[in-house]
């Protein structure tokens, strides 16, 4: 079995943590545009856009993991088209794991000549080499976000070698049966 520990977030906890981070640390910053590091930060970026006053969201797609395994270096696969010159931007990711994704993103956006760049991630890992300007909790476990049901199931299936073992692990980390059934391949539902 795996030596990885898991921390599954509920929708309620994720939303609470975003609201708490906004209330404690972001009320007084001025932001012209949010940059969401896709896919992980898309939901979180929407929450912060709302909390900060319906701030427009741009996206950059960067991959750091594939099948729950870390890539050697994060890769930009889609760039934003918006003009960031003289703008205050808030770059959001779901977690600062190693810090490499933030570093690649900052390097990219500094060339766009914004006025100010802020970074935010509700969660960081203790070993991260980059702490965003705004974060709330350090979690020393693989964080499972409530929007990663299929991704988690497929990752567990590859790790544990079968749908049944993956299904059991999904239960162990806190997924409900209805969530698991929604992503099971046809024929694997009881």
Protein backbone atom coordinates (compact mmCIF):
# COMPACT_ATOMS: atom_id res chain seq x y z
CA UNK A 1 0.00 0.00 0.00
CA UNK A 2 0.86 3.65 -0.19
CA UNK A 3 2.78 5.61 2.46
CA UNK A 4 0.96 8.79 1.46
CA UNK A 5 -1.42 10.38 3.94
CA UNK A 6 -4.53 12.08 2.60
CA UNK A 7 -6.56 15.08 3.70
CA UNK A 8 -9.95 15.30 2.00
CA UNK A 9 -11.57 18.71 2.07
CA UNK A 10 -15.33 19.10 2.03
CA UNK A 11 -17.02 21.81 -0.01
CA UNK A 12 -17.96 23.53 3.24
CA UNK A 13 -14.39 23.49 4.59
CA UNK A 14 -12.93 24.76 1.31
CA UNK A 15 -15.42 27.63 1.15
CA UNK A 16 -14.95 28.45 4.84
CA UNK A 17 -11.16 28.54 4.42
CA UNK A 18 -11.43 30.86 1.39
CA UNK A 19 -13.78 33.22 3.23
CA UNK A 20 -11.55 33.18 6.32
CA UNK A 21 -8.46 33.94 4.21
CA UNK A 22 -10.27 36.83 2.52
CA UNK A 23 -11.57 38.22 5.82
CA UNK A 24 -8.23 38.00 7.63
CA UNK A 25 -5.82 39.05 4.89
CA UNK A 26 -7.31 40.37 1.64
CA UNK A 27 -9.89 43.01 2.48
CA UNK A 28 -7.59 45.96 1.79
CA UNK A 29 -5.74 44.90 -1.37
CA UNK A 30 -6.55 46.36 -4.75
CA UNK A 31 -6.78 43.83 -7.58
CA UNK A 32 -7.57 44.48 -11.26
CA UNK A 33 -7.52 40.88 -12.45
CA UNK A 34 -7.22 37.41 -10.96
CA UNK A 35 -5.07 34.85 -12.72
CA UNK A 36 -6.24 31.32 -12.04
CA UNK A 37 -3.69 28.54 -12.43
CA UNK A 38 -5.88 26.04 -14.23
CA UNK A 39 -7.28 23.54 -13.45
CA UNK A 40 -6.68 23.41 -9.71
CA UNK A 41 -7.45 27.01 -8.86
CA UNK A 42 -10.49 27.59 -11.05
CA UNK A 43 -13.11 27.02 -8.36
CA UNK A 44 -11.09 28.88 -5.74
CA UNK A 45 -10.52 31.80 -8.14
CA UNK A 46 -14.27 32.08 -8.67
CA UNK A 47 -14.79 32.32 -4.90
CA UNK A 48 -12.16 35.07 -4.56
CA UNK A 49 -13.51 36.94 -7.59
CA UNK A 50 -16.85 37.09 -5.83
CA UNK A 51 -15.40 38.05 -2.43
CA UNK A 52 -13.21 40.79 -3.93
CA UNK A 53 -16.06 42.39 -5.89
CA UNK A 54 -16.53 40.41 -9.10
CA UNK A 55 -12.91 40.79 -10.27
CA UNK A 56 -12.36 39.41 -13.82
CA UNK A 57 -10.54 36.07 -14.03
CA UNK A 58 -7.87 35.14 -16.56
CA UNK A 59 -6.31 31.68 -16.82
CA UNK A 60 -2.92 30.13 -17.30
CA UNK A 61 -2.71 26.36 -17.58
CA UNK A 62 0.27 24.79 -15.88
CA UNK A 63 0.68 21.11 -15.09
CA UNK A 64 2.73 19.98 -12.13
CA UNK A 65 1.26 16.50 -11.67
CA UNK A 66 0.04 13.66 -13.83
CA UNK A 67 -1.76 10.69 -12.27
CA UNK A 68 -0.93 12.03 -8.79
CA UNK A 69 2.79 11.92 -9.66
CA UNK A 70 4.94 15.04 -9.74
CA UNK A 71 6.36 16.11 -13.09
CA UNK A 72 10.02 17.04 -13.24
CA UNK A 73 9.18 20.68 -14.02
CA UNK A 74 5.80 22.45 -14.29
CA UNK A 75 4.78 23.05 -17.90
CA UNK A 76 2.77 25.97 -19.30
CA UNK A 77 0.32 24.54 -21.82
CA UNK A 78 -2.01 27.53 -22.25
CA UNK A 79 -1.22 31.23 -21.90
CA UNK A 80 -3.65 34.07 -21.15
CA UNK A 81 -4.40 36.64 -23.85
CA UNK A 82 -5.24 39.60 -21.60
CA UNK A 83 -2.96 42.64 -21.31
CA UNK A 84 -1.46 42.74 -17.80
CA UNK A 85 0.63 45.89 -18.26
CA UNK A 86 0.13 48.30 -15.31
CA UNK A 87 -2.41 45.98 -13.63
CA UNK A 88 -2.50 44.66 -10.08
CA UNK A 89 -2.83 40.91 -10.49
CA UNK A 90 -3.63 38.19 -7.98
CA UNK A 91 -2.29 34.78 -9.02
CA UNK A 92 -4.21 31.95 -7.38
CA UNK A 93 -3.38 28.26 -7.07
CA UNK A 94 -5.11 25.63 -4.94
CA UNK A 95 -1.97 24.60 -3.03
CA UNK A 96 1.68 25.57 -2.93
CA UNK A 97 3.15 22.10 -2.82
CA UNK A 98 6.80 22.49 -3.82
CA UNK A 99 6.49 26.11 -4.93
CA UNK A 100 7.65 25.32 -8.48
CA UNK A 101 4.33 26.23 -10.13
CA UNK A 102 4.25 29.64 -8.48
CA UNK A 103 7.89 30.26 -9.47
CA UNK A 104 7.19 29.43 -13.15
CA UNK A 105 4.05 31.58 -13.07
CA UNK A 106 5.79 34.57 -11.47
CA UNK A 107 8.62 34.38 -14.01
CA UNK A 108 6.03 34.41 -16.81
CA UNK A 109 3.99 37.34 -15.43
CA UNK A 110 6.92 39.57 -14.48
CA UNK A 111 7.59 39.84 -18.23
CA UNK A 112 4.04 41.22 -18.70
CA UNK A 113 4.97 44.37 -16.70
CA UNK A 114 2.15 44.47 -14.15
CA UNK A 115 2.13 47.16 -11.46
CA UNK A 116 1.87 44.61 -8.64
CA UNK A 117 1.73 40.81 -8.42
CA UNK A 118 0.15 39.12 -5.41
CA UNK A 119 0.02 35.35 -4.93
CA UNK A 120 -2.55 33.33 -3.03
CA UNK A 121 -3.12 29.71 -2.15
CA UNK A 122 -5.41 28.72 0.72
CA UNK A 123 -3.10 25.81 1.46
CA UNK A 124 0.64 25.25 1.50
CA UNK A 125 2.78 22.22 2.24
CA UNK A 126 5.45 22.46 4.96
CA UNK A 127 8.17 21.70 2.40
CA UNK A 128 7.19 24.39 -0.13
CA UNK A 129 10.04 26.57 -1.34
CA UNK A 130 7.60 29.38 -2.15
CA UNK A 131 5.09 30.76 0.32
CA UNK A 132 2.43 32.84 -1.41
CA UNK A 133 1.66 36.33 -0.14
CA UNK A 134 -1.66 35.02 1.18
CA UNK A 135 -2.28 31.54 2.58
CA UNK A 136 -4.25 30.07 5.45
CA UNK A 137 -3.20 26.52 6.38
CA UNK A 138 -0.14 24.31 6.11
CA UNK A 139 -1.20 20.71 5.51
CA UNK A 140 1.33 17.88 5.53
CA UNK A 141 -0.71 15.43 3.44
CA UNK A 142 -1.96 14.92 -0.10
CA UNK A 143 -4.92 17.31 -0.26
CA UNK A 144 -7.99 15.95 -2.00
CA UNK A 145 -10.23 18.77 -3.14
CA UNK A 146 -14.00 18.17 -3.33
CA UNK A 147 -13.95 18.77 -7.09
CA UNK A 148 -11.38 16.01 -7.76
CA UNK A 149 -13.58 12.92 -7.50
CA UNK A 150 -12.75 11.32 -10.87
CA UNK A 151 -9.11 12.37 -10.72
CA UNK A 152 -8.78 10.78 -7.28
CA UNK A 153 -10.54 7.57 -8.34
CA UNK A 154 -8.35 7.18 -11.43
CA UNK A 155 -5.19 7.98 -9.44
CA UNK A 156 -6.11 5.41 -6.79
CA UNK A 157 -6.90 2.80 -9.45
CA UNK A 158 -3.42 3.26 -10.95
CA UNK A 159 -1.78 3.23 -7.50
CA UNK A 160 -3.65 0.24 -6.09
CA UNK A 161 -4.19 -1.80 -9.26
CA UNK A 162 -7.95 -2.32 -9.21
CA UNK A 163 -11.26 -0.52 -9.14
CA UNK A 164 -12.30 -2.35 -5.97
CA UNK A 165 -9.17 -1.30 -4.05
CA UNK A 166 -9.53 2.25 -5.38
CA UNK A 167 -13.17 2.28 -4.30
CA UNK A 168 -12.22 1.13 -0.78
CA UNK A 169 -9.57 3.85 -0.57
CA UNK A 170 -12.12 6.45 -1.72
CA UNK A 171 -14.32 5.39 1.23
CA UNK A 172 -11.33 5.44 3.59
CA UNK A 173 -10.45 9.05 2.73
CA UNK A 174 -14.04 10.21 3.16
CA UNK A 175 -15.88 10.10 -0.15
CA UNK A 176 -19.57 9.24 0.00
CA UNK A 177 -20.93 6.29 -1.98
CA UNK A 178 -22.93 8.57 -4.31
CA UNK A 179 -19.74 10.44 -5.24
CA UNK A 180 -17.87 7.21 -5.95
CA UNK A 181 -20.72 5.77 -8.02
CA UNK A 182 -20.77 8.91 -10.18
CA UNK A 183 -17.24 8.23 -11.45
CA UNK A 184 -17.13 4.44 -11.59
CA UNK A 185 -16.79 2.97 -15.08
CA UNK A 186 -20.05 1.44 -16.39
CA UNK A 187 -20.46 -2.09 -15.08
CA UNK A 188 -18.59 -1.40 -11.83
CA UNK A 189 -21.60 -0.01 -9.96
CA UNK A 190 -23.16 -2.50 -7.53
